[in-house]
Amino acid sequence: MDDLLYGTRDKRGNWAPNEQAKPAPIWQRPFSLRKVLAWVPEYLWPWNAFHLATAIIWVTLLIPSWESLATLSITNYLWLYGLNAAGLFVFLGSFELIYYVKRKQGNRFKYNGKFPSENPSDVFWFKSQNIDNFLRSFFITVPLWTVVEIVMLWAYANSWAVWLPWTTHWVWLTVVILLAPAVHEIYFFCLHRLIHTPFLYKHIHSVHHNSINPSPWSSLSMHPGEGFPYMAEAWLHLLIPSNPICAYFTLHAAGFGAINGHLGFEKLELTEDTTLDSHAYVHYLHHKYFEVNYGGDGVVPLDMLFGTWHDGSKESDEKMKARFRKKKEKQNSRKPTATPAE
């Protein structure tokens, strides 16, 4: 497939789409009902449908019995960790193997023309982004993911959280599922802005941002101080009447769904004529420029509201640079001026 029909490639080999990133059609003006209706299937399929499917599989088939989950145990923790690690390895590893190891489509539709393995760096363990990202994901973030999960299940098993059955509360629970991705964007934006404050960025979030050219293994490569609160979003379900499937949907959308912003490709070629949209561009621009696009795809356009939205255009570049200049001028104005010697 010719990616130049959909975008342009610069002298460095970096590709950018022709179309600018846009928030969800419900926020676009002039309002178009046709665009909103066309967007709804994309909102649901395939990514959110996948997270809901895995949530149902985990709750109905894979987790330990609710009787045993009423007591915190290392056996249950190790079982849940194994499930999460295996699921993540298969899911992320499939994308890594096909598009980064075998390079099925070369660098077609790839934002950064190079692959992480081509750029060893001292900022990574063993000078390898792939090894560093893999180890941090599976031995830092996934264990913390599992802590969040087992505490969540413990709360449900002991009836400390309001557990609504689907048979009698299916309308409310469906609304919870449909709103969960929007809530995730709000939660992620707030957390993300917080860890971009100078102290937290230096000591915590910079670990994730070492991967300027993200790949699937970068998705959950985090400092513990980021990984735990990121996954703890699922505990929001303990504060409202909900259901374990809804809580798992949020947990898996955070865990498995982190790949969306880190695939590195605009489109994944499934066949010669069929592609899968990654929805990675907005977050790729965040990794590229650091101080833009703190939220998600624009389901809730908080970046537009707070002036940090970057749609990939030259106009957004100029706005970003103007904001940086203003910030630098403000910082310089606070520096004490030297007193001339008498």
C-alpha atoms as a PDB file:
ATOM      1  CA  MET A   1       0.000   0.000   0.000  1.00  0.00           C
ATOM      2  CA  ASP A   2       1.320   3.446  -0.911  1.00  0.00           C
ATOM      3  CA  ASP A   3       1.446   5.522   2.277  1.00  0.00           C
ATOM      4  CA  LEU A   4       2.187   8.680   0.277  1.00  0.00           C
ATOM      5  CA  LEU A   5      -1.443   8.652  -0.855  1.00  0.00           C
ATOM      6  CA  TYR A   6      -2.367   9.377   2.755  1.00  0.00           C
ATOM      7  CA  GLY A   7       0.534  11.507   3.975  1.00  0.00           C
ATOM      8  CA  THR A   8       3.988  12.938   3.337  1.00  0.00           C
ATOM      9  CA  ARG A   9       7.507  11.875   4.239  1.00  0.00           C
ATOM     10  CA  ASP A  10      10.232  14.371   5.083  1.00  0.00           C
ATOM     11  CA  LYS A  11      13.971  14.206   4.334  1.00  0.00           C
ATOM     12  CA  ARG A  12      14.601  12.265   7.549  1.00  0.00           C
ATOM     13  CA  GLY A  13      12.145   9.586   6.515  1.00  0.00           C
ATOM     14  CA  ASN A  14       9.467  10.605   9.018  1.00  0.00           C
ATOM     15  CA  TRP A  15       5.869  10.253   7.859  1.00  0.00           C
ATOM     16  CA  ALA A  16       2.901  12.494   8.762  1.00  0.00           C
ATOM     17  CA  PRO A  17      -0.753  12.100   7.728  1.00  0.00           C
ATOM     18  CA  ASN A  18      -2.353  14.609   5.386  1.00  0.00           C
ATOM     19  CA  GLU A  19      -5.369  14.962   7.662  1.00  0.00           C
ATOM     20  CA  GLN A  20      -4.964  16.921  10.871  1.00  0.00           C
ATOM     21  CA  ALA A  21      -5.931  15.290  14.151  1.00  0.00           C
ATOM     22  CA  LYS A  22      -9.438  16.260  15.230  1.00  0.00           C
ATOM     23  CA  PRO A  23     -11.470  15.806  18.414  1.00  0.00           C
ATOM     24  CA  ALA A  24     -14.511  13.555  18.403  1.00  0.00           C
ATOM     25  CA  PRO A  25     -17.232  14.801  15.995  1.00  0.00           C
ATOM     26  CA  ILE A  26     -19.506  15.685  18.906  1.00  0.00           C
ATOM     27  CA  TRP A  27     -17.142  18.603  19.591  1.00  0.00           C
ATOM     28  CA  GLN A  28     -16.503  19.667  16.011  1.00  0.00           C
ATOM     29  CA  ARG A  29     -18.181  22.765  14.615  1.00  0.00           C
ATOM     30  CA  PRO A  30     -20.295  23.047  12.594  1.00  0.00           C
ATOM     31  CA  PHE A  31     -22.013  20.083  14.203  1.00  0.00           C
ATOM     32  CA  SER A  32     -22.718  17.180  11.842  1.00  0.00           C
ATOM     33  CA  LEU A  33     -25.043  14.391  12.917  1.00  0.00           C
ATOM     34  CA  ARG A  34     -23.824  12.327   9.966  1.00  0.00           C
ATOM     35  CA  LYS A  35     -20.223  12.489  11.216  1.00  0.00           C
ATOM     36  CA  VAL A  36     -21.283  11.611  14.761  1.00  0.00           C
ATOM     37  CA  LEU A  37     -23.209   8.551  13.604  1.00  0.00           C
ATOM     38  CA  ALA A  38     -20.281   7.473  11.439  1.00  0.00           C
ATOM     39  CA  TRP A  39     -17.931   7.874  14.420  1.00  0.00           C
ATOM     40  CA  VAL A  40     -19.926   5.732  16.873  1.00  0.00           C
ATOM     41  CA  PRO A  41     -18.855   2.357  15.376  1.00  0.00           C
ATOM     42  CA  GLU A  42     -15.235   3.556  15.442  1.00  0.00           C
ATOM     43  CA  TYR A  43     -15.651   4.488  19.124  1.00  0.00           C
ATOM     44  CA  LEU A  44     -16.762   0.936  19.868  1.00  0.00           C
ATOM     45  CA  TRP A  45     -14.834  -1.176  17.348  1.00  0.00           C
ATOM     46  CA  PRO A  46     -12.331  -2.735  17.464  1.00  0.00           C
ATOM     47  CA  TRP A  47     -10.359  -1.432  20.446  1.00  0.00           C
ATOM     48  CA  ASN A  48     -13.063  -0.892  23.072  1.00  0.00           C
ATOM     49  CA  ALA A  49     -14.838  -4.058  21.961  1.00  0.00           C
ATOM     50  CA  PHE A  50     -11.603  -5.960  22.533  1.00  0.00           C
ATOM     51  CA  HIS A  51     -11.202  -4.561  26.061  1.00  0.00           C
ATOM     52  CA  LEU A  52     -14.801  -5.452  26.893  1.00  0.00           C
ATOM     53  CA  ALA A  53     -14.322  -8.966  25.515  1.00  0.00           C
ATOM     54  CA  THR A  54     -11.190  -9.552  27.614  1.00  0.00           C
ATOM     55  CA  ALA A  55     -12.987  -8.154  30.671  1.00  0.00           C
ATOM     56  CA  ILE A  56     -15.787 -10.692  30.234  1.00  0.00           C
ATOM     57  CA  ILE A  57     -13.311 -13.546  29.680  1.00  0.00           C
ATOM     58  CA  TRP A  58     -11.304 -12.620  32.785  1.00  0.00           C
ATOM     59  CA  VAL A  59     -14.352 -12.351  35.068  1.00  0.00           C
ATOM     60  CA  THR A  60     -16.276 -15.375  33.807  1.00  0.00           C
ATOM     61  CA  LEU A  61     -13.473 -17.812  33.043  1.00  0.00           C
ATOM     62  CA  LEU A  62     -10.025 -16.932  34.350  1.00  0.00           C
ATOM     63  CA  ILE A  63      -9.981 -15.275  37.765  1.00  0.00           C
ATOM     64  CA  PRO A  64      -9.942 -17.409  40.964  1.00  0.00           C
ATOM     65  CA  SER A  65     -13.179 -18.180  42.789  1.00  0.00           C
ATOM     66  CA  TRP A  66     -14.860 -15.313  44.576  1.00  0.00           C
ATOM     67  CA  GLU A  67     -14.620 -17.265  47.820  1.00  0.00           C
ATOM     68  CA  SER A  68     -10.835 -17.374  47.626  1.00  0.00           C
ATOM     69  CA  LEU A  69     -10.630 -13.722  46.495  1.00  0.00           C
ATOM     70  CA  ALA A  70     -12.284 -12.646  49.760  1.00  0.00           C
ATOM     71  CA  THR A  71      -8.875 -13.215  51.344  1.00  0.00           C
ATOM     72  CA  LEU A  72      -5.729 -11.654  49.961  1.00  0.00           C
ATOM     73  CA  SER A  73      -3.296 -14.418  49.067  1.00  0.00           C
ATOM     74  CA  ILE A  74       0.040 -14.650  47.277  1.00  0.00           C
ATOM     75  CA  THR A  75      -1.256 -17.648  45.304  1.00  0.00           C
ATOM     76  CA  ASN A  76      -4.087 -15.621  43.796  1.00  0.00           C
ATOM     77  CA  TYR A  77      -1.730 -12.705  43.179  1.00  0.00           C
ATOM     78  CA  LEU A  78       0.724 -14.887  41.255  1.00  0.00           C
ATOM     79  CA  TRP A  79      -2.107 -16.429  39.227  1.00  0.00           C
ATOM     80  CA  LEU A  80      -3.460 -12.999  38.293  1.00  0.00           C
ATOM     81  CA  TYR A  81       0.027 -11.707  37.506  1.00  0.00           C
ATOM     82  CA  GLY A  82       0.580 -14.682  35.218  1.00  0.00           C
ATOM     83  CA  LEU A  83      -2.694 -13.992  33.408  1.00  0.00           C
ATOM     84  CA  ASN A  84      -1.863 -10.318  32.933  1.00  0.00           C
ATOM     85  CA  ALA A  85       1.720 -10.934  31.870  1.00  0.00           C
ATOM     86  CA  ALA A  86       0.730 -13.686  29.431  1.00  0.00           C
ATOM     87  CA  GLY A  87      -2.110 -11.636  27.974  1.00  0.00           C
ATOM     88  CA  LEU A  88       0.085  -8.583  27.563  1.00  0.00           C
ATOM     89  CA  PHE A  89       2.932 -10.613  26.083  1.00  0.00           C
ATOM     90  CA  VAL A  90       0.655 -12.146  23.455  1.00  0.00           C
ATOM     91  CA  PHE A  91      -1.168  -8.882  22.674  1.00  0.00           C
ATOM     92  CA  LEU A  92       1.749  -6.450  22.577  1.00  0.00           C
ATOM     93  CA  GLY A  93       4.148  -9.112  21.381  1.00  0.00           C
ATOM     94  CA  SER A  94       2.028  -9.800  18.308  1.00  0.00           C
ATOM     95  CA  PHE A  95       2.323  -6.189  17.173  1.00  0.00           C
ATOM     96  CA  GLU A  96       6.011  -6.093  18.081  1.00  0.00           C
ATOM     97  CA  LEU A  97       6.775  -9.291  16.173  1.00  0.00           C
ATOM     98  CA  ILE A  98       4.816  -8.450  13.033  1.00  0.00           C
ATOM     99  CA  TYR A  99       5.567  -4.761  12.644  1.00  0.00           C
ATOM    100  CA  TYR A 100       8.893  -4.274  14.441  1.00  0.00           C
ATOM    101  CA  VAL A 101      10.766  -7.575  14.226  1.00  0.00           C
ATOM    102  CA  LYS A 102       9.543  -8.959  10.900  1.00  0.00           C
ATOM    103  CA  ARG A 103       8.677  -5.428   9.727  1.00  0.00           C
ATOM    104  CA  LYS A 104       5.785  -6.644   7.638  1.00  0.00           C
ATOM    105  CA  GLN A 105       5.109  -3.222   6.149  1.00  0.00           C
ATOM    106  CA  GLY A 106       8.568  -1.706   6.463  1.00  0.00           C
ATOM    107  CA  ASN A 107       8.219   1.886   7.594  1.00  0.00           C
ATOM    108  CA  ARG A 108       5.070   2.600   5.596  1.00  0.00           C
ATOM    109  CA  PHE A 109       2.752   4.780   7.709  1.00  0.00           C
ATOM    110  CA  LYS A 110       5.445   4.928  10.433  1.00  0.00           C
ATOM    111  CA  TYR A 111       5.697   8.381  11.999  1.00  0.00           C
ATOM    112  CA  ASN A 112       9.371   8.060  12.880  1.00  0.00           C
ATOM    113  CA  GLY A 113      11.135   6.445   9.941  1.00  0.00           C
ATOM    114  CA  LYS A 114      13.628   4.609  12.166  1.00  0.00           C
ATOM    115  CA  PHE A 115      13.064   1.639  14.453  1.00  0.00           C
ATOM    116  CA  PRO A 116      14.086   1.729  18.148  1.00  0.00           C
ATOM    117  CA  SER A 117      16.546  -1.142  17.673  1.00  0.00           C
ATOM    118  CA  GLU A 118      18.529   1.070  15.292  1.00  0.00           C
ATOM    119  CA  ASN A 119      19.265   3.657  18.000  1.00  0.00           C
ATOM    120  CA  PRO A 120      21.039   2.299  21.100  1.00  0.00           C
ATOM    121  CA  SER A 121      21.216   4.819  23.933  1.00  0.00           C
ATOM    122  CA  ASP A 122      22.663   5.077  27.441  1.00  0.00           C
ATOM    123  CA  VAL A 123      19.298   6.259  28.807  1.00  0.00           C
ATOM    124  CA  PHE A 124      17.997   2.680  28.502  1.00  0.00           C
ATOM    125  CA  TRP A 125      18.933  -0.421  30.412  1.00  0.00           C
ATOM    126  CA  PHE A 126      21.517  -2.357  28.368  1.00  0.00           C
ATOM    127  CA  LYS A 127      21.431   0.581  25.924  1.00  0.00           C
ATOM    128  CA  SER A 128      18.359  -0.992  24.321  1.00  0.00           C
ATOM    129  CA  GLN A 129      14.938   0.641  24.238  1.00  0.00           C
ATOM    130  CA  ASN A 130      13.286  -2.692  23.504  1.00  0.00           C
ATOM    131  CA  ILE A 131      14.899  -4.533  26.443  1.00  0.00           C
ATOM    132  CA  ASP A 132      14.391  -1.582  28.791  1.00  0.00           C
ATOM    133  CA  ASN A 133      10.726  -1.151  27.849  1.00  0.00           C
ATOM    134  CA  PHE A 134      10.046  -4.883  28.079  1.00  0.00           C
ATOM    135  CA  LEU A 135      11.604  -5.274  31.528  1.00  0.00           C
ATOM    136  CA  ARG A 136       9.959  -2.166  32.951  1.00  0.00           C
ATOM    137  CA  SER A 137       6.561  -3.272  31.652  1.00  0.00           C
ATOM    138  CA  PHE A 138       6.648  -6.839  32.921  1.00  0.00           C
ATOM    139  CA  PHE A 139       8.565  -6.384  36.168  1.00  0.00           C
ATOM    140  CA  ILE A 140       7.301  -2.968  37.301  1.00  0.00           C
ATOM    141  CA  THR A 141       3.969  -1.968  35.767  1.00  0.00           C
ATOM    142  CA  VAL A 142       2.325  -5.386  35.417  1.00  0.00           C
ATOM    143  CA  PRO A 143       3.023  -6.282  39.080  1.00  0.00           C
ATOM    144  CA  LEU A 144       1.447  -2.951  40.088  1.00  0.00           C
ATOM    145  CA  TRP A 145      -1.451  -3.597  37.693  1.00  0.00           C
ATOM    146  CA  THR A 146      -1.983  -6.877  39.565  1.00  0.00           C
ATOM    147  CA  VAL A 147      -1.921  -5.138  42.958  1.00  0.00           C
ATOM    148  CA  VAL A 148      -4.705  -2.836  41.769  1.00  0.00           C
ATOM    149  CA  GLU A 149      -6.592  -5.822  40.387  1.00  0.00           C
ATOM    150  CA  ILE A 150      -6.431  -8.090  43.437  1.00  0.00           C
ATOM    151  CA  VAL A 151      -7.454  -5.276  45.808  1.00  0.00           C
ATOM    152  CA  MET A 152     -10.355  -4.462  43.469  1.00  0.00           C
ATOM    153  CA  LEU A 153     -11.487  -8.100  43.450  1.00  0.00           C
ATOM    154  CA  TRP A 154     -11.034  -8.336  47.238  1.00  0.00           C
ATOM    155  CA  ALA A 155     -13.335  -5.334  47.699  1.00  0.00           C
ATOM    156  CA  TYR A 156     -15.996  -6.901  45.480  1.00  0.00           C
ATOM    157  CA  ALA A 157     -15.662 -10.324  47.101  1.00  0.00           C
ATOM    158  CA  ASN A 158     -16.226  -8.789  50.555  1.00  0.00           C
ATOM    159  CA  SER A 159     -19.184  -6.660  49.362  1.00  0.00           C
ATOM    160  CA  TRP A 160     -17.328  -3.468  50.252  1.00  0.00           C
ATOM    161  CA  ALA A 161     -18.070  -2.196  46.751  1.00  0.00           C
ATOM    162  CA  VAL A 162     -21.605  -1.934  45.354  1.00  0.00           C
ATOM    163  CA  TRP A 163     -21.893  -4.821  42.885  1.00  0.00           C
ATOM    164  CA  LEU A 164     -24.892  -4.449  40.582  1.00  0.00           C
ATOM    165  CA  PRO A 165     -26.084  -7.490  38.601  1.00  0.00           C
ATOM    166  CA  TRP A 166     -26.466  -7.120  34.848  1.00  0.00           C
ATOM    167  CA  THR A 167     -29.883  -8.778  34.846  1.00  0.00           C
ATOM    168  CA  THR A 168     -31.541  -5.960  36.795  1.00  0.00           C
ATOM    169  CA  HIS A 169     -29.254  -2.982  36.148  1.00  0.00           C
ATOM    170  CA  TRP A 170     -28.163  -3.523  32.554  1.00  0.00           C
ATOM    171  CA  VAL A 171     -29.148   0.007  31.462  1.00  0.00           C
ATOM    172  CA  TRP A 172     -26.982   1.726  34.088  1.00  0.00           C
ATOM    173  CA  LEU A 173     -24.066  -0.662  33.589  1.00  0.00           C
ATOM    174  CA  THR A 174     -24.221  -0.141  29.820  1.00  0.00           C
ATOM    175  CA  VAL A 175     -24.011   3.611  30.423  1.00  0.00           C
ATOM    176  CA  VAL A 176     -20.988   3.033  32.693  1.00  0.00           C
ATOM    177  CA  ILE A 177     -19.280   1.038  29.931  1.00  0.00           C
ATOM    178  CA  LEU A 178     -20.042   3.636  27.266  1.00  0.00           C
ATOM    179  CA  LEU A 179     -18.783   6.512  29.417  1.00  0.00           C
ATOM    180  CA  ALA A 180     -15.683   4.701  30.688  1.00  0.00           C
ATOM    181  CA  PRO A 181     -13.424   5.744  27.751  1.00  0.00           C
ATOM    182  CA  ALA A 182     -14.399   9.387  28.295  1.00  0.00           C
ATOM    183  CA  VAL A 183     -13.717   9.087  32.023  1.00  0.00           C
ATOM    184  CA  HIS A 184     -10.356   7.529  31.161  1.00  0.00           C
ATOM    185  CA  GLU A 185      -9.404  10.571  29.088  1.00  0.00           C
ATOM    186  CA  ILE A 186     -10.270  12.912  31.965  1.00  0.00           C
ATOM    187  CA  TYR A 187      -8.394  10.776  34.491  1.00  0.00           C
ATOM    188  CA  PHE A 188      -5.379  10.371  32.213  1.00  0.00           C
ATOM    189  CA  PHE A 189      -5.252  14.077  31.394  1.00  0.00           C
ATOM    190  CA  CYS A 190      -5.248  15.068  35.075  1.00  0.00           C
ATOM    191  CA  LEU A 191      -2.638  12.469  36.032  1.00  0.00           C
ATOM    192  CA  HIS A 192      -0.533  13.287  32.986  1.00  0.00           C
ATOM    193  CA  ARG A 193      -0.501  17.025  33.675  1.00  0.00           C
ATOM    194  CA  LEU A 194       0.484  16.305  37.280  1.00  0.00           C
ATOM    195  CA  ILE A 195       3.482  14.147  36.390  1.00  0.00           C
ATOM    196  CA  HIS A 196       4.629  16.756  33.877  1.00  0.00           C
ATOM    197  CA  THR A 197       5.295  19.210  36.707  1.00  0.00           C
ATOM    198  CA  PRO A 198       9.086  19.721  36.893  1.00  0.00           C
ATOM    199  CA  PHE A 199       9.875  17.618  39.990  1.00  0.00           C
ATOM    200  CA  LEU A 200       7.621  14.672  39.081  1.00  0.00           C
ATOM    201  CA  TYR A 201       8.721  14.761  35.458  1.00  0.00           C
ATOM    202  CA  LYS A 202      12.398  14.649  36.370  1.00  0.00           C
ATOM    203  CA  HIS A 203      12.094  11.833  38.894  1.00  0.00           C
ATOM    204  CA  ILE A 204       9.161   9.821  37.525  1.00  0.00           C
ATOM    205  CA  HIS A 205       7.675  10.560  34.111  1.00  0.00           C
ATOM    206  CA  SER A 206      10.983  11.067  32.286  1.00  0.00           C
ATOM    207  CA  VAL A 207      11.406   7.283  32.394  1.00  0.00           C
ATOM    208  CA  HIS A 208       8.483   6.871  30.021  1.00  0.00           C
ATOM    209  CA  HIS A 209       9.548   9.806  27.861  1.00  0.00           C
ATOM    210  CA  ASN A 210      12.968   8.307  27.213  1.00  0.00           C
ATOM    211  CA  SER A 211      11.120   6.489  24.422  1.00  0.00           C
ATOM    212  CA  ILE A 212      10.834   9.426  22.031  1.00  0.00           C
ATOM    213  CA  ASN A 213      10.234   6.932  19.222  1.00  0.00           C
ATOM    214  CA  PRO A 214       7.686   4.662  20.974  1.00  0.00           C
ATOM    215  CA  SER A 215       6.965   1.074  20.050  1.00  0.00           C
ATOM    216  CA  PRO A 216       4.532  -1.519  21.496  1.00  0.00           C
ATOM    217  CA  TRP A 217       6.837  -2.388  24.413  1.00  0.00           C
ATOM    218  CA  SER A 218       6.874   1.317  25.352  1.00  0.00           C
ATOM    219  CA  SER A 219       3.176   1.226  26.221  1.00  0.00           C
ATOM    220  CA  LEU A 220       3.594   0.360  29.920  1.00  0.00           C
ATOM    221  CA  SER A 221       7.258   1.201  30.361  1.00  0.00           C
ATOM    222  CA  MET A 222       6.871   3.410  33.426  1.00  0.00           C
ATOM    223  CA  HIS A 223       8.363   4.399  36.761  1.00  0.00           C
ATOM    224  CA  PRO A 224       6.420   2.815  39.667  1.00  0.00           C
ATOM    225  CA  GLY A 225       5.277   6.289  40.670  1.00  0.00           C
ATOM    226  CA  GLU A 226       3.466   6.527  37.342  1.00  0.00           C
ATOM    227  CA  GLY A 227       2.491   2.924  36.760  1.00  0.00           C
ATOM    228  CA  PHE A 228       0.541   2.501  39.996  1.00  0.00           C
ATOM    229  CA  PRO A 229      -1.719   5.582  39.782  1.00  0.00           C
ATOM    230  CA  TYR A 230      -2.184   4.956  36.057  1.00  0.00           C
ATOM    231  CA  MET A 231      -3.600   1.475  36.651  1.00  0.00           C
ATOM    232  CA  ALA A 232      -5.469   2.547  39.823  1.00  0.00           C
ATOM    233  CA  GLU A 233      -8.067   4.259  37.655  1.00  0.00           C
ATOM    234  CA  ALA A 234      -9.986   0.977  37.911  1.00  0.00           C
ATOM    235  CA  TRP A 235     -10.633   1.743  41.597  1.00  0.00           C
ATOM    236  CA  LEU A 236     -13.035   4.477  40.519  1.00  0.00           C
ATOM    237  CA  HIS A 237     -15.559   1.674  40.085  1.00  0.00           C
ATOM    238  CA  LEU A 238     -15.341   0.969  43.811  1.00  0.00           C
ATOM    239  CA  LEU A 239     -16.733   4.449  44.448  1.00  0.00           C
ATOM    240  CA  ILE A 240     -19.905   4.035  42.391  1.00  0.00           C
ATOM    241  CA  PRO A 241     -22.498   1.287  41.897  1.00  0.00           C
ATOM    242  CA  SER A 242     -20.809  -0.856  39.253  1.00  0.00           C
ATOM    243  CA  ASN A 243     -19.864  -4.417  38.345  1.00  0.00           C
ATOM    244  CA  PRO A 244     -16.570  -6.359  38.112  1.00  0.00           C
ATOM    245  CA  ILE A 245     -16.899  -6.525  34.322  1.00  0.00           C
ATOM    246  CA  CYS A 246     -17.134  -2.728  34.153  1.00  0.00           C
ATOM    247  CA  ALA A 247     -14.127  -2.392  36.463  1.00  0.00           C
ATOM    248  CA  TYR A 248     -12.146  -4.839  34.343  1.00  0.00           C
ATOM    249  CA  PHE A 249     -13.109  -2.916  31.226  1.00  0.00           C
ATOM    250  CA  THR A 250     -11.452   0.178  32.673  1.00  0.00           C
ATOM    251  CA  LEU A 251      -8.470  -1.852  33.925  1.00  0.00           C
ATOM    252  CA  HIS A 252      -7.884  -3.485  30.543  1.00  0.00           C
ATOM    253  CA  ALA A 253      -8.489  -0.274  28.608  1.00  0.00           C
ATOM    254  CA  ALA A 254      -5.657   1.229  30.654  1.00  0.00           C
ATOM    255  CA  GLY A 255      -3.408  -1.848  30.485  1.00  0.00           C
ATOM    256  CA  PHE A 256      -3.908  -3.350  27.045  1.00  0.00           C
ATOM    257  CA  GLY A 257      -5.209  -0.056  25.640  1.00  0.00           C
ATOM    258  CA  ALA A 258      -1.961   1.797  26.341  1.00  0.00           C
ATOM    259  CA  ILE A 259      -0.679   0.350  23.077  1.00  0.00           C
ATOM    260  CA  ASN A 260      -2.861   2.700  21.025  1.00  0.00           C
ATOM    261  CA  GLY A 261      -0.635   5.682  21.613  1.00  0.00           C
ATOM    262  CA  HIS A 262       2.588   3.724  21.184  1.00  0.00           C
ATOM    263  CA  LEU A 263       2.175   1.657  18.029  1.00  0.00           C
ATOM    264  CA  GLY A 264       4.234   4.175  16.049  1.00  0.00           C
ATOM    265  CA  PHE A 265       2.206   3.583  12.873  1.00  0.00           C
ATOM    266  CA  GLU A 266      -0.826   5.479  11.605  1.00  0.00           C
ATOM    267  CA  LYS A 267      -2.222   2.398   9.888  1.00  0.00           C
ATOM    268  CA  LEU A 268      -1.420  -1.274  10.287  1.00  0.00           C
ATOM    269  CA  GLU A 269      -1.646  -3.226   7.040  1.00  0.00           C
ATOM    270  CA  LEU A 270      -3.676  -6.375   7.691  1.00  0.00           C
ATOM    271  CA  THR A 271      -3.936  -7.350   4.022  1.00  0.00           C
ATOM    272  CA  GLU A 272      -2.988  -5.642   0.780  1.00  0.00           C
ATOM    273  CA  ASP A 273      -6.257  -3.696   0.814  1.00  0.00           C
ATOM    274  CA  THR A 274      -7.246  -3.655   4.500  1.00  0.00           C
ATOM    275  CA  THR A 275      -5.770  -1.503   7.255  1.00  0.00           C
ATOM    276  CA  LEU A 276      -6.426  -0.947  10.939  1.00  0.00           C
ATOM    277  CA  ASP A 277      -6.304   2.633  12.229  1.00  0.00           C
ATOM    278  CA  SER A 278      -4.065   2.827  15.279  1.00  0.00           C
ATOM    279  CA  HIS A 279      -5.286   6.139  16.767  1.00  0.00           C
ATOM    280  CA  ALA A 280      -1.635   6.676  17.717  1.00  0.00           C
ATOM    281  CA  TYR A 281      -0.933  10.061  16.124  1.00  0.00           C
ATOM    282  CA  VAL A 282      -2.116  12.344  18.919  1.00  0.00           C
ATOM    283  CA  HIS A 283      -0.016  10.597  21.568  1.00  0.00           C
ATOM    284  CA  TYR A 284       2.927  10.205  19.204  1.00  0.00           C
ATOM    285  CA  LEU A 285       2.989  14.003  18.948  1.00  0.00           C
ATOM    286  CA  HIS A 286       3.123  14.114  22.751  1.00  0.00           C
ATOM    287  CA  HIS A 287       6.213  11.891  22.744  1.00  0.00           C
ATOM    288  CA  LYS A 288       7.720  14.056  20.025  1.00  0.00           C
ATOM    289  CA  TYR A 289       7.036  17.479  21.583  1.00  0.00           C
ATOM    290  CA  PHE A 290       6.573  16.550  25.292  1.00  0.00           C
ATOM    291  CA  GLU A 291       4.240  19.425  26.286  1.00  0.00           C
ATOM    292  CA  VAL A 292       1.234  18.892  24.020  1.00  0.00           C
ATOM    293  CA  ASN A 293      -1.660  16.413  23.901  1.00  0.00           C
ATOM    294  CA  TYR A 294      -1.745  15.361  27.535  1.00  0.00           C
ATOM    295  CA  GLY A 295      -5.107  13.672  27.094  1.00  0.00           C
ATOM    296  CA  GLY A 296      -6.394  11.148  24.627  1.00  0.00           C
ATOM    297  CA  ASP A 297      -7.847  11.232  21.137  1.00  0.00           C
ATOM    298  CA  GLY A 298     -10.247  14.070  21.861  1.00  0.00           C
ATOM    299  CA  VAL A 299     -13.290  12.183  23.137  1.00  0.00           C
ATOM    300  CA  VAL A 300     -13.106  14.808  25.878  1.00  0.00           C
ATOM    301  CA  PRO A 301     -11.101  17.686  24.343  1.00  0.00           C
ATOM    302  CA  LEU A 302      -9.354  18.956  27.472  1.00  0.00           C
ATOM    303  CA  ASP A 303      -6.187  19.789  25.536  1.00  0.00           C
ATOM    304  CA  MET A 304      -8.193  22.141  23.335  1.00  0.00           C
ATOM    305  CA  LEU A 305      -9.748  23.707  26.416  1.00  0.00           C
ATOM    306  CA  PHE A 306      -6.372  24.281  28.096  1.00  0.00           C
ATOM    307  CA  GLY A 307      -4.475  25.300  24.953  1.00  0.00           C
ATOM    308  CA  THR A 308      -2.203  22.260  24.675  1.00  0.00           C
ATOM    309  CA  TRP A 309      -3.801  20.614  21.642  1.00  0.00           C
ATOM    310  CA  HIS A 310      -1.512  19.814  18.706  1.00  0.00           C
ATOM    311  CA  ASP A 311      -3.122  18.470  15.540  1.00  0.00           C
ATOM    312  CA  GLY A 312       0.103  17.977  13.577  1.00  0.00           C
ATOM    313  CA  SER A 313      -0.234  21.166  11.522  1.00  0.00           C
ATOM    314  CA  LYS A 314       2.222  24.031  11.088  1.00  0.00           C
ATOM    315  CA  GLU A 315      -0.305  26.288  12.803  1.00  0.00           C
ATOM    316  CA  SER A 316      -0.167  24.084  15.894  1.00  0.00           C
ATOM    317  CA  ASP A 317       3.628  24.175  15.708  1.00  0.00           C
ATOM    318  CA  GLU A 318       3.591  27.971  15.799  1.00  0.00           C
ATOM    319  CA  LYS A 319       1.141  28.065  18.711  1.00  0.00           C
ATOM    320  CA  MET A 320       3.286  25.567  20.598  1.00  0.00           C
ATOM    321  CA  LYS A 321       6.481  27.567  19.982  1.00  0.00           C
ATOM    322  CA  ALA A 322       4.755  30.784  21.073  1.00  0.00           C
ATOM    323  CA  ARG A 323       3.647  29.067  24.270  1.00  0.00           C
ATOM    324  CA  PHE A 324       7.203  27.834  24.894  1.00  0.00           C
ATOM    325  CA  ARG A 325       8.605  31.334  24.340  1.00  0.00           C
ATOM    326  CA  LYS A 326       6.074  32.835  26.741  1.00  0.00           C
ATOM    327  CA  LYS A 327       6.926  30.190  29.335  1.00  0.00           C
ATOM    328  CA  LYS A 328      10.650  30.833  28.964  1.00  0.00           C
ATOM    329  CA  GLU A 329      10.166  34.599  29.250  1.00  0.00           C
ATOM    330  CA  LYS A 330       8.150  34.078  32.422  1.00  0.00           C
ATOM    331  CA  GLN A 331      10.871  31.871  33.887  1.00  0.00           C
ATOM    332  CA  ASN A 332      13.581  34.391  32.975  1.00  0.00           C
ATOM    333  CA  SER A 333      11.624  37.215  34.580  1.00  0.00           C
ATOM    334  CA  ARG A 334      11.746  35.386  37.886  1.00  0.00           C
ATOM    335  CA  LYS A 335      15.540  35.083  37.884  1.00  0.00           C
ATOM    336  CA  PRO A 336      17.242  37.673  40.107  1.00  0.00           C
ATOM    337  CA  THR A 337      19.170  40.294  38.178  1.00  0.00           C
ATOM    338  CA  ALA A 338      22.802  40.792  39.013  1.00  0.00           C
ATOM    339  CA  THR A 339      23.635  43.922  41.052  1.00  0.00           C
ATOM    340  CA  PRO A 340      26.501  45.859  39.503  1.00  0.00           C
ATOM    341  CA  ALA A 341      29.601  46.183  41.676  1.00  0.00           C
ATOM    342  CA  GLU A 342      30.155  49.596  43.170  1.00  0.00           C
END
